[in-house]
Amino acid sequence: MRVALVHEWLTTYAGSERVLAQLLQVFPQADLFAVVDFLPPEHRAFLAGKPVHTSFLQHWPGARQHFRRYLPWMPLAIEQLNLTGYDLVISSHHAVAKGVLTGPDQLHLCYVHSPMRYAWDLQHQYLGDRPSSWPARWLLHQLRQWDRHSAQGVDAFAANSQYIARRIAKCYRRPAQVIYPPVDVESFALNTAPREPFYVTAARFVPYKRVDVVVEAFRQWGDRPLVVIGDGPERAKIEQHAGANIHFVGYQPPDRLAGFLQKAQAFVFAAEEDFGITVVEAQACGTPVIALGRGGATETIGPDRTGLWFDEQTPASLLATLRAFEEQRQRHPERFTPEQCRANALRFAPDRFRREIQQWVDRNWHTFQEGPLLP
């Protein structure tokens, strides 16, 4: 069997690249395709020297620094990747990867991290109400049509959470099997020692992550320290309104991130996330999580065992839940134990992902050999 893996773009080693690393373990014989490949040498080890076949955008001016500016051209670029001769095509999709062209004798399976967030239900969060955003709105209108149309070329979908499966059904009117992404739980060791008095949050400083909600809740709380990990365009604005109990430490490498998670009272997260890898990494350290009760967090947190959800994406709702968390932990010491948190995180270990991906592919390949897969 000739296998092609189609990745969106290779520029950093983040969540979707961790999925790709595991796919390459399951299918070491696969050829790898991407719109562009600017992955730094220090992050390329998981590719094991495998070459990456890229699109014409790889050579366009300024693509290394500003490849996202070429988003209007990406549907065309992904369609020009030549997958002729491959029996199995697996696309890892959050923007355009599923748009590759395949024939009737090729099985195309798509693992979805999310439908194109900024083109569908999160458009208003990304663009706001600025009058200057109308050209972008027209572009996203066009992308939505292409995105829905290109979904028809996929034989079967898998989603990284029940939440994303519902988004696939909404956007593409297609079912999807849920296969949770791999989390490197072994790199986040369990800590059963007494915790330090601070809380921690970690996220990119972009609008939909809602770091501002976490910072404002702790500013109002006043006497509980918060460590804020991450960087991004909104950092300066959020930092201006922070209180003296809030400490910004910028981006932290995985080992330093693990150190903060292992010592904190709890990890706090206010985004409506597709899955939320850091939420699982915190639990792998034995740390409970306070998160918004929407999106992937409703599937990765055991309520009253490994954390609590807050109802509204507001400082008041989060602050009320933080106080309830401290009260419950005092009254019920059997809750939120490091051992419970760790056991919950182990459900998302990489070996489980590899096993479920292999089973999903085998089952769809067998069905495909018997006749065409119908949506």
Protein backbone atom coordinates (compact mmCIF):
# COMPACT_ATOMS: atom_id res chain seq x y z
CA MET A 1 0.00 0.00 0.00
CA ARG A 2 1.32 3.43 -0.95
CA VAL A 3 0.42 6.02 1.70
CA ALA A 4 0.47 9.83 1.54
CA LEU A 5 0.19 12.02 4.64
CA VAL A 6 -0.99 15.56 3.97
CA HIS A 7 -0.16 18.15 6.63
CA GLU A 8 -1.31 21.76 6.62
CA TRP A 9 2.03 23.57 6.95
CA LEU A 10 5.26 22.84 8.82
CA THR A 11 6.51 25.92 10.67
CA THR A 12 6.61 24.89 14.34
CA TYR A 13 6.19 21.84 16.54
CA ALA A 14 2.74 22.27 18.11
CA GLY A 15 -0.44 20.22 18.58
CA SER A 16 -1.06 19.16 14.98
CA GLU A 17 2.62 18.29 14.53
CA ARG A 18 2.39 15.97 17.53
CA VAL A 19 -0.42 14.18 15.73
CA LEU A 20 1.71 14.01 12.58
CA ALA A 21 4.59 12.52 14.56
CA GLN A 22 2.34 9.67 15.72
CA LEU A 23 0.91 9.16 12.22
CA LEU A 24 4.46 8.75 10.94
CA GLN A 25 5.02 6.04 13.53
CA VAL A 26 1.91 4.18 12.37
CA PHE A 27 2.79 4.66 8.68
CA PRO A 28 6.59 4.94 8.47
CA GLN A 29 6.46 4.18 4.73
CA ALA A 30 4.27 7.23 4.00
CA ASP A 31 5.32 10.16 1.81
CA LEU A 32 4.70 13.57 3.37
CA PHE A 33 3.06 16.60 1.72
CA ALA A 34 2.44 20.16 3.00
CA VAL A 35 1.59 23.60 1.64
CA VAL A 36 4.93 24.95 2.94
CA ASP A 37 7.78 23.58 5.03
CA PHE A 38 9.80 26.06 7.08
CA LEU A 39 10.24 23.86 10.15
CA PRO A 40 13.48 24.80 11.97
CA PRO A 41 16.24 22.16 12.12
CA GLU A 42 15.89 21.78 15.90
CA HIS A 43 12.25 20.65 15.49
CA ARG A 44 12.69 18.21 12.58
CA ALA A 45 13.79 15.09 14.50
CA PHE A 46 10.29 13.54 14.41
CA LEU A 47 10.45 13.54 10.59
CA ALA A 48 13.44 11.14 10.72
CA GLY A 49 14.93 12.73 7.61
CA LYS A 50 11.79 12.22 5.55
CA PRO A 51 11.53 14.75 2.68
CA VAL A 52 8.48 17.02 2.52
CA HIS A 53 6.77 17.65 -0.83
CA THR A 54 5.52 21.25 -0.83
CA SER A 55 3.34 23.47 -3.03
CA PHE A 56 4.27 26.43 -5.23
CA LEU A 57 3.76 28.73 -2.21
CA GLN A 58 7.04 27.43 -0.77
CA HIS A 59 8.94 29.69 -3.19
CA TRP A 60 6.75 32.80 -3.12
CA PRO A 61 8.28 36.05 -1.78
CA GLY A 62 8.20 36.37 2.00
CA ALA A 63 6.53 33.00 2.49
CA ARG A 64 8.88 31.99 5.31
CA GLN A 65 7.85 34.89 7.55
CA HIS A 66 4.36 35.63 6.21
CA PHE A 67 2.95 32.43 4.68
CA ARG A 68 -0.47 33.09 6.28
CA ARG A 69 -0.86 36.14 4.04
CA TYR A 70 -1.17 33.67 1.17
CA LEU A 71 -4.32 32.11 2.64
CA PRO A 72 -6.41 33.12 -0.42
CA TRP A 73 -4.09 31.00 -2.57
CA MET A 74 -3.95 27.97 -0.30
CA PRO A 75 -7.02 26.14 -1.69
CA LEU A 76 -5.42 26.27 -5.15
CA ALA A 77 -2.02 25.31 -3.72
CA ILE A 78 -3.32 22.22 -1.90
CA GLU A 79 -5.16 21.08 -5.03
CA GLN A 80 -1.91 21.15 -7.02
CA LEU A 81 -0.15 18.56 -4.84
CA ASN A 82 0.15 15.47 -7.02
CA LEU A 83 -1.08 12.40 -5.13
CA THR A 84 -1.47 10.21 -8.19
CA GLY A 85 -0.55 6.59 -7.50
CA TYR A 86 -1.22 6.55 -3.74
CA ASP A 87 -3.68 3.99 -2.41
CA LEU A 88 -4.35 5.71 0.91
CA VAL A 89 -4.33 9.46 1.60
CA ILE A 90 -4.60 10.71 5.19
CA SER A 91 -5.01 14.46 5.66
CA SER A 92 -4.43 16.21 8.98
CA HIS A 93 -6.78 19.18 8.69
CA HIS A 94 -7.49 22.51 10.34
CA ALA A 95 -7.42 24.80 7.29
CA VAL A 96 -7.03 23.41 3.75
CA ALA A 97 -5.35 19.96 3.95
CA LYS A 98 -8.51 17.99 3.17
CA GLY A 99 -8.77 19.81 -0.17
CA VAL A 100 -6.25 17.53 -1.92
CA LEU A 101 -7.57 15.92 -5.08
CA THR A 102 -7.99 12.13 -5.10
CA GLY A 103 -9.50 9.64 -7.52
CA PRO A 104 -12.14 6.90 -7.19
CA ASP A 105 -9.51 4.21 -6.52
CA GLN A 106 -7.92 6.17 -3.68
CA LEU A 107 -9.17 6.16 -0.08
CA HIS A 108 -9.04 9.64 1.47
CA LEU A 109 -9.35 9.74 5.27
CA CYS A 110 -9.27 13.05 7.12
CA TYR A 111 -8.32 13.63 10.77
CA VAL A 112 -9.84 16.99 11.74
CA HIS A 113 -8.35 19.21 14.45
CA SER A 114 -11.08 21.72 13.62
CA PRO A 115 -12.95 23.03 10.62
CA MET A 116 -11.40 26.37 9.61
CA ARG A 117 -12.18 28.26 12.85
CA TYR A 118 -11.84 31.80 11.51
CA ALA A 119 -14.06 31.04 8.51
CA TRP A 120 -16.94 29.47 10.43
CA ASP A 121 -18.35 30.12 13.92
CA LEU A 122 -15.32 32.01 15.30
CA GLN A 123 -15.20 34.61 12.51
CA HIS A 124 -16.66 37.33 14.73
CA GLN A 125 -14.13 36.65 17.49
CA TYR A 126 -11.24 36.95 15.04
CA LEU A 127 -12.47 40.01 13.12
CA GLY A 128 -14.58 41.89 15.66
CA ASP A 129 -16.80 44.68 14.30
CA ARG A 130 -14.12 46.74 12.53
CA PRO A 131 -15.37 48.34 9.25
CA SER A 132 -11.91 47.67 7.77
CA SER A 133 -12.50 43.92 8.03
CA TRP A 134 -14.97 43.73 5.10
CA PRO A 135 -12.34 42.46 2.58
CA ALA A 136 -11.45 39.69 5.02
CA ARG A 137 -15.13 38.87 5.49
CA TRP A 138 -15.57 38.47 1.73
CA LEU A 139 -12.51 36.22 1.55
CA LEU A 140 -13.83 34.04 4.40
CA HIS A 141 -17.22 33.84 2.67
CA GLN A 142 -15.45 32.40 -0.37
CA LEU A 143 -13.36 30.05 1.79
CA ARG A 144 -16.47 28.69 3.50
CA GLN A 145 -17.92 27.68 0.15
CA TRP A 146 -14.69 25.98 -0.91
CA ASP A 147 -14.33 24.32 2.50
CA ARG A 148 -17.81 22.77 2.38
CA HIS A 149 -17.36 21.70 -1.24
CA SER A 150 -13.94 20.09 -0.65
CA ALA A 151 -15.40 18.01 2.19
CA GLN A 152 -17.16 15.95 -0.47
CA GLY A 153 -13.79 14.54 -1.56
CA VAL A 154 -13.20 12.93 1.84
CA ASP A 155 -14.33 9.31 2.26
CA ALA A 156 -14.40 9.32 6.08
CA PHE A 157 -13.70 11.82 8.86
CA ALA A 158 -12.22 11.45 12.33
CA ALA A 159 -12.45 14.26 14.89
CA ASN A 160 -10.18 15.07 17.82
CA SER A 161 -13.16 15.46 20.20
CA GLN A 162 -16.92 15.14 20.40
CA TYR A 163 -17.02 18.93 20.20
CA ILE A 164 -15.21 18.91 16.84
CA ALA A 165 -17.40 16.04 15.60
CA ARG A 166 -20.40 18.33 16.20
CA ARG A 167 -18.67 21.14 14.29
CA ILE A 168 -17.97 18.76 11.39
CA ALA A 169 -21.65 17.79 11.34
CA LYS A 170 -22.63 21.48 11.38
CA CYS A 171 -20.18 22.64 8.69
CA TYR A 172 -19.97 19.61 6.39
CA ARG A 173 -23.10 17.59 7.28
CA ARG A 174 -20.92 14.51 7.74
CA PRO A 175 -20.42 12.09 10.66
CA ALA A 176 -16.99 11.69 12.27
CA GLN A 177 -15.45 9.10 14.56
CA VAL A 178 -13.83 10.63 17.65
CA ILE A 179 -10.16 9.78 18.18
CA TYR A 180 -8.63 11.95 20.88
CA PRO A 181 -5.19 13.37 20.00
CA PRO A 182 -1.99 12.06 21.61
CA VAL A 183 -0.65 13.81 24.70
CA ASP A 184 2.95 13.20 25.80
CA VAL A 185 1.94 12.48 29.38
CA GLU A 186 5.33 10.90 30.18
CA SER A 187 7.01 14.31 29.78
CA PHE A 188 4.75 15.72 32.52
CA ALA A 189 5.61 13.77 35.64
CA LEU A 190 3.24 13.30 38.56
CA ASN A 191 3.94 15.47 41.62
CA THR A 192 2.31 14.42 44.90
CA ALA A 193 4.20 16.91 47.09
CA PRO A 194 2.41 19.87 48.71
CA ARG A 195 1.72 22.66 46.22
CA GLU A 196 2.91 26.25 46.24
CA PRO A 197 0.21 28.93 46.72
CA PHE A 198 0.03 30.17 43.10
CA TYR A 199 -2.30 29.28 40.20
CA VAL A 200 -1.11 29.09 36.60
CA THR A 201 -2.52 29.72 33.11
CA ALA A 202 -0.79 29.16 29.77
CA ALA A 203 -2.00 30.23 26.33
CA ARG A 204 -1.18 32.35 23.31
CA PHE A 205 -2.26 35.98 23.77
CA VAL A 206 -4.87 36.00 21.00
CA PRO A 207 -8.54 36.99 21.38
CA TYR A 208 -10.23 33.58 21.48
CA LYS A 209 -7.91 32.27 24.23
CA ARG A 210 -9.45 34.84 26.63
CA VAL A 211 -6.39 35.29 28.80
CA ASP A 212 -7.96 38.63 29.73
CA VAL A 213 -10.78 36.83 31.56
CA VAL A 214 -8.32 34.88 33.74
CA VAL A 215 -6.18 37.93 34.50
CA GLU A 216 -9.18 40.08 35.43
CA ALA A 217 -10.61 37.37 37.71
CA PHE A 218 -7.35 37.19 39.67
CA ARG A 219 -7.02 40.98 39.73
CA GLN A 220 -10.39 41.07 41.46
CA TRP A 221 -9.42 38.20 43.79
CA GLY A 222 -6.28 40.09 44.77
CA ASP A 223 -4.70 37.78 47.35
CA ARG A 224 -4.06 34.70 45.15
CA PRO A 225 -0.93 34.74 42.94
CA LEU A 226 -1.32 33.89 39.25
CA VAL A 227 1.55 32.94 36.90
CA VAL A 228 0.75 33.71 33.24
CA ILE A 229 2.72 31.72 30.65
CA GLY A 230 2.73 32.62 26.97
CA ASP A 231 3.13 35.47 24.54
CA GLY A 232 1.29 37.09 21.65
CA PRO A 233 -0.17 40.29 20.23
CA GLU A 234 -2.52 40.98 23.16
CA ARG A 235 0.08 40.61 25.91
CA ALA A 236 0.91 44.31 26.37
CA LYS A 237 -2.74 45.32 26.59
CA ILE A 238 -3.59 42.60 29.12
CA GLU A 239 -0.48 43.26 31.18
CA GLN A 240 -1.47 46.93 31.56
CA HIS A 241 -4.61 45.97 33.49
CA ALA A 242 -3.05 43.27 35.70
CA GLY A 243 -2.70 43.52 39.45
CA ALA A 244 0.42 43.09 41.57
CA ASN A 245 -0.51 39.45 42.28
CA ILE A 246 -0.18 38.52 38.59
CA HIS A 247 3.21 37.56 37.13
CA PHE A 248 3.90 37.30 33.38
CA VAL A 249 6.79 35.00 32.50
CA GLY A 250 6.43 34.80 28.69
CA TYR A 251 6.88 31.68 26.60
CA GLN A 252 8.28 28.70 28.49
CA PRO A 253 9.76 25.51 26.93
CA PRO A 254 8.02 22.23 27.80
CA ASP A 255 10.30 21.36 30.73
CA ARG A 256 9.77 24.78 32.34
CA LEU A 257 6.03 24.61 31.66
CA ALA A 258 5.94 21.23 33.40
CA GLY A 259 7.73 22.73 36.40
CA PHE A 260 5.08 25.41 36.84
CA LEU A 261 2.23 22.92 36.36
CA GLN A 262 3.71 20.52 38.93
CA LYS A 263 3.84 23.20 41.63
CA ALA A 264 0.58 25.11 41.05
CA GLN A 265 -2.64 24.81 43.03
CA ALA A 266 -4.57 24.46 39.76
CA PHE A 267 -4.35 25.23 36.05
CA VAL A 268 -6.86 27.86 34.88
CA PHE A 269 -8.12 27.98 31.29
CA ALA A 270 -10.78 30.26 29.79
CA ALA A 271 -10.76 29.38 26.07
CA GLU A 272 -13.42 27.38 24.25
CA GLU A 273 -10.86 24.95 22.89
CA ASP A 274 -11.16 22.17 20.32
CA PHE A 275 -9.45 19.70 22.65
CA GLY A 276 -6.95 21.45 24.92
CA ILE A 277 -3.65 19.59 25.24
CA THR A 278 -2.35 21.76 28.11
CA VAL A 279 -5.45 20.87 30.15
CA VAL A 280 -4.40 17.20 29.92
CA GLU A 281 -0.71 17.97 30.54
CA ALA A 282 -1.65 19.74 33.78
CA GLN A 283 -3.62 16.71 34.96
CA ALA A 284 -0.67 14.46 34.05
CA CYS A 285 1.31 16.48 36.61
CA GLY A 286 -1.38 15.75 39.19
CA THR A 287 -2.77 19.29 38.94
CA PRO A 288 -6.55 19.94 38.83
CA VAL A 289 -8.00 22.26 36.20
CA ILE A 290 -10.51 25.12 36.34
CA ALA A 291 -11.81 25.55 32.78
CA LEU A 292 -14.69 26.93 30.76
CA GLY A 293 -17.44 24.31 30.56
CA ARG A 294 -17.60 24.32 26.77
CA GLY A 295 -15.56 22.70 24.02
CA GLY A 296 -12.99 19.98 24.56
CA ALA A 297 -12.58 20.67 28.28
CA THR A 298 -15.95 19.00 28.94
CA GLU A 299 -14.39 15.75 27.67
CA THR A 300 -10.97 15.93 29.34
CA ILE A 301 -11.87 16.97 32.90
CA GLY A 302 -13.60 14.71 35.40
CA PRO A 303 -15.97 17.07 37.25
CA ASP A 304 -15.48 17.06 41.03
CA ARG A 305 -12.57 14.62 40.54
CA THR A 306 -9.91 16.39 38.45
CA GLY A 307 -11.31 19.90 38.22
CA LEU A 308 -14.32 22.19 37.82
CA TRP A 309 -16.00 24.00 34.95
CA PHE A 310 -17.24 27.58 35.02
CA ASP A 311 -20.36 28.47 33.06
CA GLU A 312 -19.73 31.84 31.42
CA GLN A 313 -16.64 33.33 29.78
CA THR A 314 -16.56 36.18 32.32
CA PRO A 315 -14.29 37.08 35.27
CA ALA A 316 -17.25 36.87 37.66
CA SER A 317 -18.14 33.32 36.64
CA LEU A 318 -14.52 32.18 36.81
CA LEU A 319 -13.94 33.83 40.19
CA ALA A 320 -17.03 32.18 41.68
CA THR A 321 -15.78 28.77 40.50
CA LEU A 322 -12.26 29.39 41.85
CA ARG A 323 -13.72 30.12 45.28
CA ALA A 324 -15.93 27.03 45.04
CA PHE A 325 -12.85 24.99 44.14
CA GLU A 326 -10.99 26.07 47.27
CA GLU A 327 -14.06 25.47 49.42
CA GLN A 328 -14.66 21.98 47.99
CA ARG A 329 -11.03 21.02 48.43
CA GLN A 330 -11.19 22.01 52.09
CA ARG A 331 -14.44 20.13 52.75
CA HIS A 332 -13.71 17.08 50.57
CA PRO A 333 -9.98 16.28 50.58
CA GLU A 334 -10.66 13.08 48.63
CA ARG A 335 -11.43 15.22 45.55
CA PHE A 336 -8.86 16.62 43.12
CA THR A 337 -6.06 14.32 44.28
CA PRO A 338 -2.88 14.15 42.17
CA GLU A 339 -3.46 10.43 41.59
CA GLN A 340 -6.97 11.01 40.21
CA CYS A 341 -5.71 13.75 37.90
CA ARG A 342 -2.88 11.58 36.61
CA ALA A 343 -5.14 8.57 35.98
CA ASN A 344 -7.52 10.73 33.95
CA ALA A 345 -4.66 12.12 31.82
CA LEU A 346 -3.37 8.65 30.97
CA ARG A 347 -6.53 8.10 28.88
CA PHE A 348 -4.90 10.29 26.21
CA ALA A 349 -1.47 8.63 25.95
CA PRO A 350 0.11 8.29 22.46
CA ASP A 351 -0.12 4.48 22.31
CA ARG A 352 -3.91 4.71 22.58
CA PHE A 353 -3.98 7.20 19.69
CA ARG A 354 -1.82 4.98 17.47
CA ARG A 355 -3.99 1.95 18.18
CA GLU A 356 -7.26 3.75 17.43
CA ILE A 357 -5.89 5.35 14.25
CA GLN A 358 -4.75 1.97 12.96
CA GLN A 359 -8.15 0.43 13.71
CA TRP A 360 -9.95 3.35 12.01
CA VAL A 361 -7.82 3.05 8.88
CA ASP A 362 -8.12 -0.76 8.74
CA ARG A 363 -11.89 -0.66 9.10
CA ASN A 364 -12.35 1.99 6.40
CA TRP A 365 -9.87 0.28 4.06
CA HIS A 366 -11.74 -3.00 4.39
CA THR A 367 -15.07 -1.27 3.65
CA PHE A 368 -13.51 0.66 0.75
CA GLN A 369 -12.27 -2.58 -0.84
CA GLU A 370 -15.83 -3.89 -0.79
CA GLY A 371 -17.32 -0.81 -2.45
CA PRO A 372 -17.39 3.00 -2.31
CA LEU A 373 -17.80 4.68 1.05
CA LEU A 374 -20.91 6.83 1.10
CA PRO A 375 -21.33 9.87 3.38
